[in-house]
C-alpha atoms as a PDB file:
ATOM      1  CA  MET A   1      39.587  13.281  -8.057  1.00  0.00           C
ATOM      2  CA  THR A   2      36.482  14.501  -6.168  1.00  0.00           C
ATOM      3  CA  SER A   3      35.597  13.014  -2.839  1.00  0.00           C
ATOM      4  CA  ARG A   4      32.368  11.169  -2.388  1.00  0.00           C
ATOM      5  CA  PRO A   5      29.783  12.818  -0.061  1.00  0.00           C
ATOM      6  CA  SER A   6      29.656  11.303   3.397  1.00  0.00           C
ATOM      7  CA  TYR A   7      26.937   8.867   4.395  1.00  0.00           C
ATOM      8  CA  LYS A   8      25.217  11.494   6.500  1.00  0.00           C
ATOM      9  CA  GLN A   9      25.307  13.973   3.612  1.00  0.00           C
ATOM     10  CA  ARG A  10      23.751  11.382   1.235  1.00  0.00           C
ATOM     11  CA  LEU A  11      21.032  10.648   3.810  1.00  0.00           C
ATOM     12  CA  ALA A  12      20.303  14.344   4.262  1.00  0.00           C
ATOM     13  CA  LYS A  13      20.050  14.854   0.516  1.00  0.00           C
ATOM     14  CA  LYS A  14      17.739  11.792   0.196  1.00  0.00           C
ATOM     15  CA  ALA A  15      15.531  13.115   3.023  1.00  0.00           C
ATOM     16  CA  GLU A  16      15.319  16.532   1.332  1.00  0.00           C
ATOM     17  CA  ARG A  17      14.322  14.871  -1.986  1.00  0.00           C
ATOM     18  CA  GLN A  18      11.627  12.876  -0.147  1.00  0.00           C
ATOM     19  CA  ARG A  19      10.250  16.020   1.551  1.00  0.00           C
ATOM     20  CA  ASP A  20      10.159  17.809  -1.802  1.00  0.00           C
ATOM     21  CA  TYR A  21       8.369  14.868  -3.381  1.00  0.00           C
ATOM     22  CA  ARG A  22       5.778  14.709  -0.589  1.00  0.00           C
ATOM     23  CA  ARG A  23       5.153  18.505  -0.904  1.00  0.00           C
ATOM     24  CA  ARG A  24       4.694  18.218  -4.672  1.00  0.00           C
ATOM     25  CA  ILE A  25       2.317  15.255  -4.330  1.00  0.00           C
ATOM     26  CA  LYS A  26       0.304  17.101  -1.665  1.00  0.00           C
ATOM     27  CA  LYS A  27       0.206  20.292  -3.742  1.00  0.00           C
ATOM     28  CA  GLU A  28      -0.975  18.388  -6.852  1.00  0.00           C
ATOM     29  CA  ASN A  29      -3.438  16.363  -4.773  1.00  0.00           C
ATOM     30  CA  ARG A  30      -2.057  13.373  -6.681  1.00  0.00           C
ATOM     31  CA  PRO A  31      -2.644   9.856  -5.370  1.00  0.00           C
ATOM     32  CA  THR A  32       0.342   7.709  -4.564  1.00  0.00           C
ATOM     33  CA  ARG A  33       0.676   4.108  -5.643  1.00  0.00           C
ATOM     34  CA  ASN A  34      -0.356   3.074  -2.142  1.00  0.00           C
ATOM     35  CA  ASP A  35      -3.547   5.204  -2.413  1.00  0.00           C
ATOM     36  CA  ILE A  36      -4.377   3.576  -5.733  1.00  0.00           C
ATOM     37  CA  THR A  37      -3.734   0.024  -4.577  1.00  0.00           C
ATOM     38  CA  ALA A  38      -5.687   0.442  -1.354  1.00  0.00           C
ATOM     39  CA  THR A  39      -8.609   1.923  -3.203  1.00  0.00           C
ATOM     40  CA  LEU A  40      -8.518  -0.868  -5.827  1.00  0.00           C
ATOM     41  CA  PHE A  41      -8.438  -3.498  -3.048  1.00  0.00           C
ATOM     42  CA  HIS A  42     -11.327  -1.883  -1.239  1.00  0.00           C
ATOM     43  CA  TYR A  43     -13.355  -1.703  -4.476  1.00  0.00           C
ATOM     44  CA  MET A  44     -12.554  -5.326  -5.317  1.00  0.00           C
ATOM     45  CA  VAL A  45     -13.751  -6.589  -1.919  1.00  0.00           C
ATOM     46  CA  ARG A  46     -16.941  -4.504  -1.932  1.00  0.00           C
ATOM     47  CA  ARG A  47     -17.761  -5.587  -5.459  1.00  0.00           C
ATOM     48  CA  THR A  48     -17.001  -9.243  -4.721  1.00  0.00           C
ATOM     49  CA  ASP A  49     -19.254  -9.120  -1.695  1.00  0.00           C
ATOM     50  CA  LYS A  50     -22.063  -7.430  -3.694  1.00  0.00           C
ATOM     51  CA  ILE A  51     -22.040  -9.964  -6.535  1.00  0.00           C
ATOM     52  CA  ASP A  52     -21.057 -12.914  -4.284  1.00  0.00           C
ATOM     53  CA  GLU A  53     -18.093 -14.061  -6.377  1.00  0.00           C
ATOM     54  CA  TRP A  54     -15.874 -15.221  -3.538  1.00  0.00           C
ATOM     55  CA  LYS A  55     -14.504 -18.250  -5.374  1.00  0.00           C
ATOM     56  CA  LYS A  56     -12.848 -16.019  -7.999  1.00  0.00           C
ATOM     57  CA  PHE A  57     -11.661 -13.554  -5.381  1.00  0.00           C
ATOM     58  CA  ASN A  58     -10.155 -16.226  -3.207  1.00  0.00           C
ATOM     59  CA  GLY A  59      -8.341 -17.661  -6.221  1.00  0.00           C
ATOM     60  CA  LEU A  60      -6.812 -14.261  -6.875  1.00  0.00           C
ATOM     61  CA  MET A  61      -5.900 -13.787  -3.222  1.00  0.00           C
ATOM     62  CA  SER A  62      -4.195 -17.187  -3.287  1.00  0.00           C
ATOM     63  CA  LYS A  63      -2.008 -15.915  -6.153  1.00  0.00           C
ATOM     64  CA  VAL A  64      -1.320 -12.671  -4.233  1.00  0.00           C
ATOM     65  CA  THR A  65      -0.299 -14.768  -1.183  1.00  0.00           C
ATOM     66  CA  ASP A  66       2.034 -16.833  -3.352  1.00  0.00           C
ATOM     67  CA  ALA A  67       3.637 -13.639  -4.622  1.00  0.00           C
ATOM     68  CA  LEU A  68       4.037 -12.313  -1.092  1.00  0.00           C
ATOM     69  CA  VAL A  69       5.685 -15.601  -0.023  1.00  0.00           C
ATOM     70  CA  GLU A  70       8.096 -15.272  -3.009  1.00  0.00           C
ATOM     71  CA  ARG A  71       9.021 -11.835  -1.662  1.00  0.00           C
ATOM     72  CA  GLY A  72       9.913 -13.363   1.696  1.00  0.00           C
ATOM     73  CA  PHE A  73       6.751 -12.957   3.726  1.00  0.00           C
ATOM     74  CA  ASP A  74       5.299 -15.680   5.846  1.00  0.00           C
ATOM     75  CA  ARG A  75       2.351 -17.519   4.199  1.00  0.00           C
ATOM     76  CA  ALA A  76       0.167 -17.768   7.302  1.00  0.00           C
ATOM     77  CA  ALA A  77       0.829 -14.147   8.318  1.00  0.00           C
ATOM     78  CA  SER A  78       0.034 -13.039   4.759  1.00  0.00           C
ATOM     79  CA  GLU A  79      -3.246 -14.977   4.667  1.00  0.00           C
ATOM     80  CA  LYS A  80      -4.189 -13.610   8.101  1.00  0.00           C
ATOM     81  CA  ALA A  81      -3.442 -10.018   7.042  1.00  0.00           C
ATOM     82  CA  ILE A  82      -5.552 -10.337   3.869  1.00  0.00           C
ATOM     83  CA  ASP A  83      -8.391 -12.034   5.703  1.00  0.00           C
ATOM     84  CA  SER A  84      -8.333  -9.293   8.344  1.00  0.00           C
ATOM     85  CA  LEU A  85      -8.555  -6.565   5.687  1.00  0.00           C
ATOM     86  CA  VAL A  86     -11.337  -8.328   3.823  1.00  0.00           C
ATOM     87  CA  ASP A  87     -13.349  -8.849   7.028  1.00  0.00           C
ATOM     88  CA  ARG A  88     -13.085  -5.203   8.042  1.00  0.00           C
ATOM     89  CA  ILE A  89     -14.212  -4.038   4.571  1.00  0.00           C
ATOM     90  CA  VAL A  90     -17.108  -6.528   4.423  1.00  0.00           C
ATOM     91  CA  ASP A  91     -18.140  -5.435   7.924  1.00  0.00           C
ATOM     92  CA  GLY A  92     -18.566  -1.948   6.620  1.00  0.00           C
ATOM     93  CA  GLN A  93     -15.311  -0.231   7.509  1.00  0.00           C
ATOM     94  CA  GLU A  94     -14.958   2.698   5.173  1.00  0.00           C
ATOM     95  CA  PHE A  95     -11.778   3.327   3.236  1.00  0.00           C
ATOM     96  CA  ARG A  96      -9.843   6.142   4.817  1.00  0.00           C
ATOM     97  CA  ARG A  97      -7.116   7.845   2.954  1.00  0.00           C
ATOM     98  CA  ARG A  98      -3.851   7.921   4.923  1.00  0.00           C
ATOM     99  CA  LEU A  99      -2.465  11.418   4.804  1.00  0.00           C
ATOM    100  CA  PRO A 100       1.227  12.169   4.847  1.00  0.00           C
ATOM    101  CA  PRO A 101       2.697  13.801   7.967  1.00  0.00           C
ATOM    102  CA  GLU A 102       1.986  17.506   8.239  1.00  0.00           C
ATOM    103  CA  ASP A 103       5.621  18.468   8.144  1.00  0.00           C
ATOM    104  CA  ALA A 104       6.084  16.629   4.857  1.00  0.00           C
END
C-alpha cells in the first residue's frame, strides 16, 4: 500500500500546477474566464447606457443579484457592488485588464 502525499506536498504540487497554468495562459495571451466576464459586463453597461435600456438591464441585474444571494452573498452588498461598478463604467472609467503577478 502506497502512502498518501502529505498536505504540504499536495499544496506544493497544486501551486506548481497553478504557476504552470498561469505561464501557459500568459504565453498564449489567452483571456481567462474573469477577463471575458469583465469585458462582457463592461460592454453591456456601455451599450445599455448608449441605447438607454436601463429597465431591461436592471431586470437582468436583479436576476444576477438573486443568483449571488443563492450562492451565499448578502443582497444589499451585492446590489451595492453592482451599482458601484455600473456607476464607474457610466462615468467613463475604462476597462483595465488585470494582469497576473509577474512571478506567475
